[in-house]
Amino acid sequence: METLKTTSQCIKNMLETPIEEFYKKNNLALDATKYYNEEYNAFICIRNFLDDFYHYEKYRQEMIDEEPYLTGDKHFDSFLAALCEHFAYHYNLKTPDWVFKQERFLKKWWFPDNYEFMTAMCLVESPASFKRRGIFIDNSFFERV
């Protein structure tokens, strides 16, 4: 079961591993590296956390309580805090104090998907816990199959 703490370690590993090395290590087609980057792969860790969060209802509070490691990338450090605050609010959980630490907020806005055509939509749809940290995503981020 993934927690935000294990997710932060996964992100750190993804960001530190050159994409070609990651693809070779996991027997993935190297052709795909031209379409993806380390940031894309880091979001795989977050999506795995989402899957577990939705599945393990009894353990949700435990999954967000422990402060995640700093990943080495302020974008993801802030993203994990925004995600935690968002879930705490929407699932009636206690918001851990670590989400309010200064290093969990960005000084410059970030649009993770980097799709210029989605900027306006992300400005509108991004949840409050993300907006106040300068992170803008669309509603589809939380959808899992």
N, C-alpha and C. Protein backbone atom coordinates (compact mmCIF):
# COMPACT_ATOMS: atom_id res chain seq x y z
N MET A 1 0.85 -1.18 0.00
CA MET A 1 0.00 0.00 0.00
C MET A 1 0.89 1.25 0.00
N GLU A 2 0.63 2.13 -0.96
CA GLU A 2 1.39 3.37 -1.07
C GLU A 2 0.89 4.40 -0.06
N THR A 3 1.81 5.17 0.47
CA THR A 3 1.49 6.33 1.30
C THR A 3 2.10 7.54 0.61
N LEU A 4 1.81 8.72 1.11
CA LEU A 4 2.46 9.89 0.51
C LEU A 4 3.96 9.85 0.75
N LYS A 5 4.38 9.26 1.86
CA LYS A 5 5.82 9.17 2.14
C LYS A 5 6.51 8.24 1.15
N THR A 6 5.93 7.06 0.89
CA THR A 6 6.55 6.16 -0.09
C THR A 6 6.44 6.74 -1.50
N THR A 7 5.38 7.48 -1.75
CA THR A 7 5.21 8.13 -3.05
C THR A 7 6.31 9.16 -3.28
N SER A 8 6.64 9.91 -2.24
CA SER A 8 7.70 10.93 -2.38
C SER A 8 9.04 10.27 -2.70
N GLN A 9 9.31 9.12 -2.10
CA GLN A 9 10.56 8.41 -2.39
C GLN A 9 10.56 7.90 -3.83
N CYS A 10 9.43 7.42 -4.29
CA CYS A 10 9.29 6.96 -5.67
C CYS A 10 9.55 8.12 -6.64
N ILE A 11 8.96 9.27 -6.35
CA ILE A 11 9.15 10.45 -7.20
C ILE A 11 10.63 10.83 -7.24
N LYS A 12 11.25 10.88 -6.09
CA LYS A 12 12.68 11.22 -6.01
C LYS A 12 13.50 10.28 -6.88
N ASN A 13 13.22 8.97 -6.78
CA ASN A 13 13.94 7.99 -7.60
C ASN A 13 13.69 8.21 -9.08
N MET A 14 12.44 8.49 -9.45
CA MET A 14 12.11 8.73 -10.86
C MET A 14 12.85 9.95 -11.41
N LEU A 15 12.88 11.01 -10.61
CA LEU A 15 13.50 12.25 -11.06
C LEU A 15 15.02 12.12 -11.16
N GLU A 16 15.60 11.24 -10.34
CA GLU A 16 17.06 11.07 -10.34
C GLU A 16 17.53 10.05 -11.37
N THR A 17 16.61 9.26 -11.91
CA THR A 17 16.99 8.22 -12.87
C THR A 17 16.81 8.74 -14.29
N PRO A 18 17.88 8.77 -15.08
CA PRO A 18 17.71 9.18 -16.47
C PRO A 18 16.66 8.31 -17.15
N ILE A 19 15.86 8.92 -17.98
CA ILE A 19 14.71 8.24 -18.57
C ILE A 19 15.12 6.99 -19.35
N GLU A 20 16.23 7.06 -20.07
CA GLU A 20 16.67 5.89 -20.84
C GLU A 20 17.00 4.73 -19.91
N GLU A 21 17.65 5.04 -18.79
CA GLU A 21 17.99 4.01 -17.80
C GLU A 21 16.73 3.39 -17.21
N PHE A 22 15.74 4.22 -16.90
CA PHE A 22 14.48 3.74 -16.34
C PHE A 22 13.80 2.78 -17.32
N TYR A 23 13.76 3.15 -18.58
CA TYR A 23 13.09 2.32 -19.58
C TYR A 23 13.83 1.00 -19.80
N LYS A 24 15.16 1.05 -19.82
CA LYS A 24 15.94 -0.19 -19.97
C LYS A 24 15.72 -1.11 -18.78
N LYS A 25 15.80 -0.54 -17.59
CA LYS A 25 15.67 -1.31 -16.34
C LYS A 25 14.31 -2.00 -16.25
N ASN A 26 13.28 -1.38 -16.79
CA ASN A 26 11.92 -1.91 -16.71
C ASN A 26 11.46 -2.58 -18.01
N ASN A 27 12.41 -2.88 -18.90
CA ASN A 27 12.13 -3.56 -20.16
C ASN A 27 11.04 -2.87 -20.98
N LEU A 28 11.13 -1.55 -21.05
CA LEU A 28 10.17 -0.77 -21.82
C LEU A 28 10.82 -0.34 -23.14
N ALA A 29 10.02 -0.10 -24.14
CA ALA A 29 10.54 0.28 -25.46
C ALA A 29 11.21 1.65 -25.39
N LEU A 30 12.46 1.70 -25.79
CA LEU A 30 13.20 2.96 -25.75
C LEU A 30 12.62 4.00 -26.70
N ASP A 31 11.88 3.57 -27.71
CA ASP A 31 11.24 4.52 -28.63
C ASP A 31 10.33 5.48 -27.88
N ALA A 32 9.74 5.00 -26.80
CA ALA A 32 8.78 5.81 -26.04
C ALA A 32 9.45 6.97 -25.31
N THR A 33 10.76 6.91 -25.11
CA THR A 33 11.42 7.98 -24.35
C THR A 33 11.31 9.34 -25.05
N LYS A 34 11.08 9.34 -26.34
CA LYS A 34 10.94 10.63 -27.02
C LYS A 34 9.60 11.30 -26.70
N TYR A 35 8.65 10.53 -26.15
CA TYR A 35 7.34 11.09 -25.81
C TYR A 35 7.22 11.44 -24.33
N TYR A 36 8.04 10.83 -23.50
CA TYR A 36 7.90 10.99 -22.06
C TYR A 36 9.18 11.56 -21.46
N ASN A 37 9.04 12.14 -20.26
CA ASN A 37 10.19 12.67 -19.55
C ASN A 37 10.13 12.24 -18.09
N GLU A 38 11.11 12.67 -17.29
CA GLU A 38 11.16 12.28 -15.89
C GLU A 38 9.92 12.77 -15.14
N GLU A 39 9.42 13.95 -15.49
CA GLU A 39 8.23 14.49 -14.83
C GLU A 39 7.03 13.58 -15.10
N TYR A 40 6.88 13.14 -16.33
CA TYR A 40 5.78 12.24 -16.67
C TYR A 40 5.87 10.97 -15.82
N ASN A 41 7.06 10.41 -15.73
CA ASN A 41 7.24 9.18 -14.97
C ASN A 41 6.99 9.39 -13.48
N ALA A 42 7.32 10.57 -12.96
CA ALA A 42 7.06 10.86 -11.55
C ALA A 42 5.56 10.83 -11.26
N PHE A 43 4.77 11.24 -12.23
CA PHE A 43 3.32 11.20 -12.03
C PHE A 43 2.78 9.77 -11.98
N ILE A 44 3.55 8.81 -12.48
CA ILE A 44 3.15 7.41 -12.34
C ILE A 44 3.10 7.06 -10.85
N CYS A 45 4.06 7.55 -10.08
CA CYS A 45 4.07 7.31 -8.63
C CYS A 45 2.81 7.88 -7.98
N ILE A 46 2.43 9.07 -8.38
CA ILE A 46 1.25 9.72 -7.81
C ILE A 46 -0.01 8.95 -8.21
N ARG A 47 -0.08 8.49 -9.43
CA ARG A 47 -1.26 7.71 -9.87
C ARG A 47 -1.36 6.39 -9.12
N ASN A 48 -0.21 5.78 -8.80
CA ASN A 48 -0.23 4.55 -7.99
C ASN A 48 -0.78 4.86 -6.59
N PHE A 49 -0.37 6.01 -6.03
CA PHE A 49 -0.91 6.40 -4.74
C PHE A 49 -2.43 6.59 -4.83
N LEU A 50 -2.89 7.25 -5.87
CA LEU A 50 -4.33 7.47 -6.04
C LEU A 50 -5.09 6.14 -6.07
N ASP A 51 -4.55 5.19 -6.80
CA ASP A 51 -5.21 3.87 -6.87
C ASP A 51 -5.35 3.26 -5.48
N ASP A 52 -4.28 3.32 -4.71
CA ASP A 52 -4.32 2.75 -3.36
C ASP A 52 -5.22 3.56 -2.44
N PHE A 53 -5.18 4.87 -2.56
CA PHE A 53 -6.03 5.71 -1.71
C PHE A 53 -7.51 5.39 -1.94
N TYR A 54 -7.89 5.26 -3.18
CA TYR A 54 -9.28 4.94 -3.49
C TYR A 54 -9.65 3.52 -3.05
N HIS A 55 -8.70 2.61 -3.11
CA HIS A 55 -8.97 1.21 -2.80
C HIS A 55 -9.00 0.92 -1.29
N TYR A 56 -8.05 1.45 -0.55
CA TYR A 56 -7.91 1.13 0.88
C TYR A 56 -8.58 2.20 1.75
N GLU A 57 -9.89 2.20 1.75
CA GLU A 57 -10.65 3.23 2.47
C GLU A 57 -10.32 3.29 3.96
N LYS A 58 -10.12 2.16 4.59
CA LYS A 58 -9.86 2.09 6.03
C LYS A 58 -8.54 2.76 6.42
N TYR A 59 -7.61 2.86 5.49
CA TYR A 59 -6.26 3.32 5.81
C TYR A 59 -5.96 4.72 5.27
N ARG A 60 -6.95 5.41 4.80
CA ARG A 60 -6.71 6.71 4.16
C ARG A 60 -5.99 7.70 5.07
N GLN A 61 -6.41 7.79 6.31
CA GLN A 61 -5.75 8.74 7.22
C GLN A 61 -4.27 8.38 7.39
N GLU A 62 -3.99 7.12 7.58
CA GLU A 62 -2.60 6.67 7.73
C GLU A 62 -1.78 6.96 6.47
N MET A 63 -2.41 6.90 5.33
CA MET A 63 -1.71 7.10 4.07
C MET A 63 -1.24 8.53 3.88
N ILE A 64 -1.89 9.48 4.56
CA ILE A 64 -1.51 10.89 4.38
C ILE A 64 -0.84 11.50 5.61
N ASP A 65 -0.90 10.82 6.76
CA ASP A 65 -0.41 11.41 8.01
C ASP A 65 1.08 11.71 8.03
N GLU A 66 1.89 10.73 7.65
CA GLU A 66 3.34 10.88 7.77
C GLU A 66 3.88 11.81 6.69
N GLU A 67 4.70 12.74 7.11
CA GLU A 67 5.23 13.73 6.16
C GLU A 67 6.09 13.07 5.09
N PRO A 68 5.81 13.36 3.83
CA PRO A 68 6.63 12.82 2.74
C PRO A 68 8.04 13.41 2.77
N TYR A 69 8.97 12.66 2.24
CA TYR A 69 10.33 13.18 2.06
C TYR A 69 10.26 14.31 1.05
N LEU A 70 11.21 15.22 1.12
CA LEU A 70 11.35 16.21 0.06
C LEU A 70 11.94 15.49 -1.14
N THR A 71 11.39 15.73 -2.30
CA THR A 71 11.77 14.99 -3.50
C THR A 71 12.99 15.58 -4.22
N GLY A 72 13.33 16.82 -3.86
CA GLY A 72 14.36 17.51 -4.61
C GLY A 72 13.78 18.40 -5.70
N ASP A 73 12.46 18.36 -5.82
CA ASP A 73 11.76 19.19 -6.80
C ASP A 73 10.59 19.87 -6.08
N LYS A 74 10.66 21.18 -5.94
CA LYS A 74 9.64 21.93 -5.20
C LYS A 74 8.24 21.73 -5.79
N HIS A 75 8.17 21.50 -7.10
CA HIS A 75 6.87 21.28 -7.72
C HIS A 75 6.17 20.07 -7.10
N PHE A 76 6.90 18.97 -6.99
CA PHE A 76 6.30 17.76 -6.45
C PHE A 76 6.13 17.81 -4.94
N ASP A 77 7.03 18.52 -4.25
CA ASP A 77 6.87 18.68 -2.80
C ASP A 77 5.57 19.44 -2.51
N SER A 78 5.30 20.45 -3.30
CA SER A 78 4.06 21.22 -3.16
C SER A 78 2.85 20.42 -3.62
N PHE A 79 3.02 19.67 -4.69
CA PHE A 79 1.93 18.87 -5.23
C PHE A 79 1.43 17.86 -4.20
N LEU A 80 2.34 17.19 -3.51
CA LEU A 80 1.94 16.19 -2.52
C LEU A 80 1.18 16.83 -1.36
N ALA A 81 1.58 18.03 -0.97
CA ALA A 81 0.86 18.74 0.10
C ALA A 81 -0.54 19.14 -0.37
N ALA A 82 -0.63 19.62 -1.61
CA ALA A 82 -1.94 19.99 -2.16
C ALA A 82 -2.86 18.78 -2.25
N LEU A 83 -2.31 17.67 -2.70
CA LEU A 83 -3.07 16.43 -2.81
C LEU A 83 -3.56 15.98 -1.44
N CYS A 84 -2.69 16.03 -0.46
CA CYS A 84 -3.06 15.64 0.90
C CYS A 84 -4.17 16.54 1.44
N GLU A 85 -4.01 17.83 1.30
CA GLU A 85 -5.03 18.77 1.79
C GLU A 85 -6.36 18.56 1.07
N HIS A 86 -6.29 18.32 -0.22
CA HIS A 86 -7.50 18.08 -1.02
C HIS A 86 -8.24 16.84 -0.53
N PHE A 87 -7.50 15.76 -0.36
CA PHE A 87 -8.12 14.52 0.10
C PHE A 87 -8.63 14.63 1.53
N ALA A 88 -7.89 15.30 2.38
CA ALA A 88 -8.34 15.47 3.77
C ALA A 88 -9.70 16.17 3.80
N TYR A 89 -9.83 17.21 3.01
CA TYR A 89 -11.08 17.96 2.95
C TYR A 89 -12.23 17.11 2.39
N HIS A 90 -11.98 16.47 1.27
CA HIS A 90 -13.05 15.75 0.56
C HIS A 90 -13.42 14.40 1.17
N TYR A 91 -12.53 13.84 1.97
CA TYR A 91 -12.80 12.53 2.58
C TYR A 91 -12.92 12.62 4.10
N ASN A 92 -13.11 13.85 4.57
CA ASN A 92 -13.36 14.07 6.00
C ASN A 92 -12.25 13.50 6.89
N LEU A 93 -11.01 13.79 6.50
CA LEU A 93 -9.84 13.34 7.25
C LEU A 93 -9.19 14.53 7.94
N LYS A 94 -8.36 14.26 8.91
CA LYS A 94 -7.62 15.32 9.59
C LYS A 94 -6.46 15.75 8.68
N THR A 95 -6.34 17.06 8.48
CA THR A 95 -5.24 17.58 7.66
C THR A 95 -3.97 17.63 8.50
N PRO A 96 -2.94 16.91 8.09
CA PRO A 96 -1.68 16.92 8.86
C PRO A 96 -1.01 18.30 8.80
N ASP A 97 -0.31 18.65 9.87
CA ASP A 97 0.36 19.96 9.94
C ASP A 97 1.43 20.16 8.88
N TRP A 98 2.05 19.09 8.43
CA TRP A 98 3.16 19.23 7.49
C TRP A 98 2.75 19.90 6.18
N VAL A 99 1.47 19.85 5.82
CA VAL A 99 1.05 20.44 4.55
C VAL A 99 1.17 21.97 4.54
N PHE A 100 1.29 22.57 5.71
CA PHE A 100 1.33 24.03 5.81
C PHE A 100 2.76 24.58 5.87
N LYS A 101 3.76 23.71 5.80
CA LYS A 101 5.15 24.16 5.83
C LYS A 101 5.46 24.98 4.58
N GLN A 102 6.30 25.98 4.75
CA GLN A 102 6.64 26.90 3.67
C GLN A 102 7.21 26.19 2.44
N GLU A 103 7.99 25.13 2.65
CA GLU A 103 8.60 24.43 1.50
C GLU A 103 7.58 23.62 0.69
N ARG A 104 6.33 23.67 1.11
CA ARG A 104 5.26 22.97 0.39
C ARG A 104 4.40 23.93 -0.44
N PHE A 105 4.96 25.13 -0.71
CA PHE A 105 4.27 26.13 -1.53
C PHE A 105 5.23 26.62 -2.60
N LEU A 106 4.71 26.87 -3.79
CA LEU A 106 5.52 27.39 -4.89
C LEU A 106 5.46 28.90 -4.93
N LYS A 107 6.51 29.49 -5.43
CA LYS A 107 6.53 30.95 -5.62
C LYS A 107 6.09 31.31 -7.05
N LYS A 108 6.24 30.37 -7.98
CA LYS A 108 5.88 30.59 -9.37
C LYS A 108 4.86 29.53 -9.79
N TRP A 109 3.85 29.95 -10.51
CA TRP A 109 2.80 29.02 -10.95
C TRP A 109 3.37 27.87 -11.76
N TRP A 110 2.67 26.73 -11.64
CA TRP A 110 3.09 25.52 -12.37
C TRP A 110 1.86 24.84 -12.96
N PHE A 111 1.95 24.56 -14.24
CA PHE A 111 0.93 23.80 -14.96
C PHE A 111 1.59 22.47 -15.35
N PRO A 112 1.43 21.43 -14.52
CA PRO A 112 2.16 20.18 -14.76
C PRO A 112 2.03 19.59 -16.15
N ASP A 113 0.86 19.66 -16.75
CA ASP A 113 0.70 19.04 -18.05
C ASP A 113 1.34 19.84 -19.18
N ASN A 114 1.60 21.10 -18.93
CA ASN A 114 2.24 21.96 -19.92
C ASN A 114 1.51 22.04 -21.25
N TYR A 115 0.22 21.85 -21.23
CA TYR A 115 -0.56 21.99 -22.45
C TYR A 115 -1.13 23.40 -22.48
N GLU A 116 -0.61 24.21 -23.36
CA GLU A 116 -1.03 25.60 -23.42
C GLU A 116 -2.53 25.74 -23.64
N PHE A 117 -3.11 24.84 -24.43
CA PHE A 117 -4.54 24.93 -24.71
C PHE A 117 -5.39 24.64 -23.48
N MET A 118 -4.80 24.07 -22.43
CA MET A 118 -5.55 23.73 -21.23
C MET A 118 -5.39 24.76 -20.11
N THR A 119 -4.60 25.79 -20.31
CA THR A 119 -4.32 26.76 -19.27
C THR A 119 -5.59 27.36 -18.68
N ALA A 120 -6.47 27.85 -19.51
CA ALA A 120 -7.70 28.47 -19.00
C ALA A 120 -8.54 27.47 -18.23
N MET A 121 -8.65 26.26 -18.75
CA MET A 121 -9.43 25.23 -18.07
C MET A 121 -8.81 24.89 -16.71
N CYS A 122 -7.50 24.78 -16.64
CA CYS A 122 -6.81 24.47 -15.38
C CYS A 122 -6.97 25.60 -14.37
N LEU A 123 -6.95 26.83 -14.83
CA LEU A 123 -7.17 27.97 -13.92
C LEU A 123 -8.54 27.90 -13.27
N VAL A 124 -9.52 27.43 -14.00
CA VAL A 124 -10.89 27.33 -13.50
C VAL A 124 -11.08 26.07 -12.65
N GLU A 125 -10.60 24.94 -13.12
CA GLU A 125 -10.93 23.66 -12.51
C GLU A 125 -10.03 23.24 -11.34
N SER A 126 -8.86 23.79 -11.24
CA SER A 126 -7.93 23.35 -10.21
C SER A 126 -8.52 23.52 -8.81
N PRO A 127 -8.43 22.49 -7.97
CA PRO A 127 -8.96 22.59 -6.61
C PRO A 127 -8.24 23.66 -5.79
N ALA A 128 -8.91 24.18 -4.78
CA ALA A 128 -8.38 25.28 -3.96
C ALA A 128 -7.02 24.96 -3.35
N SER A 129 -6.84 23.74 -2.85
CA SER A 129 -5.57 23.39 -2.21
C SER A 129 -4.41 23.43 -3.20
N PHE A 130 -4.69 23.24 -4.47
CA PHE A 130 -3.67 23.32 -5.50
C PHE A 130 -3.45 24.78 -5.91
N LYS A 131 -4.55 25.50 -6.12
CA LYS A 131 -4.44 26.90 -6.54
C LYS A 131 -3.63 27.73 -5.56
N ARG A 132 -3.88 27.52 -4.26
CA ARG A 132 -3.17 28.35 -3.27
C ARG A 132 -1.69 28.05 -3.20
N ARG A 133 -1.29 26.96 -3.81
CA ARG A 133 0.13 26.61 -3.90
C ARG A 133 0.71 26.95 -5.27
N GLY A 134 -0.13 27.48 -6.15
CA GLY A 134 0.34 27.85 -7.49
C GLY A 134 0.40 26.69 -8.45
N ILE A 135 -0.40 25.65 -8.20
CA ILE A 135 -0.42 24.47 -9.06
C ILE A 135 -1.78 24.40 -9.74
N PHE A 136 -1.77 24.19 -11.05
CA PHE A 136 -3.02 24.20 -11.81
C PHE A 136 -3.15 22.92 -12.63
N ILE A 137 -4.21 22.17 -12.30
CA ILE A 137 -4.50 20.90 -12.96
C ILE A 137 -5.96 20.92 -13.40
N ASP A 138 -6.34 19.96 -14.22
CA ASP A 138 -7.75 19.88 -14.61
C ASP A 138 -8.43 18.78 -13.80
N ASN A 139 -9.74 18.74 -13.86
CA ASN A 139 -10.54 17.78 -13.08
C ASN A 139 -10.21 16.32 -13.38
N SER A 140 -9.73 16.04 -14.56
CA SER A 140 -9.48 14.65 -14.94
C SER A 140 -8.34 14.02 -14.15
N PHE A 141 -7.55 14.83 -13.47
CA PHE A 141 -6.40 14.28 -12.73
C PHE A 141 -6.83 13.22 -11.73
N PHE A 142 -7.96 13.40 -11.07
CA PHE A 142 -8.39 12.50 -10.01
C PHE A 142 -9.15 11.28 -10.52
N GLU A 143 -9.40 11.22 -11.82
CA GLU A 143 -10.15 10.10 -12.39
C GLU A 143 -9.21 8.92 -12.60
N ARG A 144 -9.66 7.77 -12.14
CA ARG A 144 -8.89 6.53 -12.32
C ARG A 144 -9.84 5.48 -12.84
N VAL A 145 -9.34 4.58 -13.63
CA VAL A 145 -10.17 3.53 -14.21
C VAL A 145 -10.14 2.30 -13.32
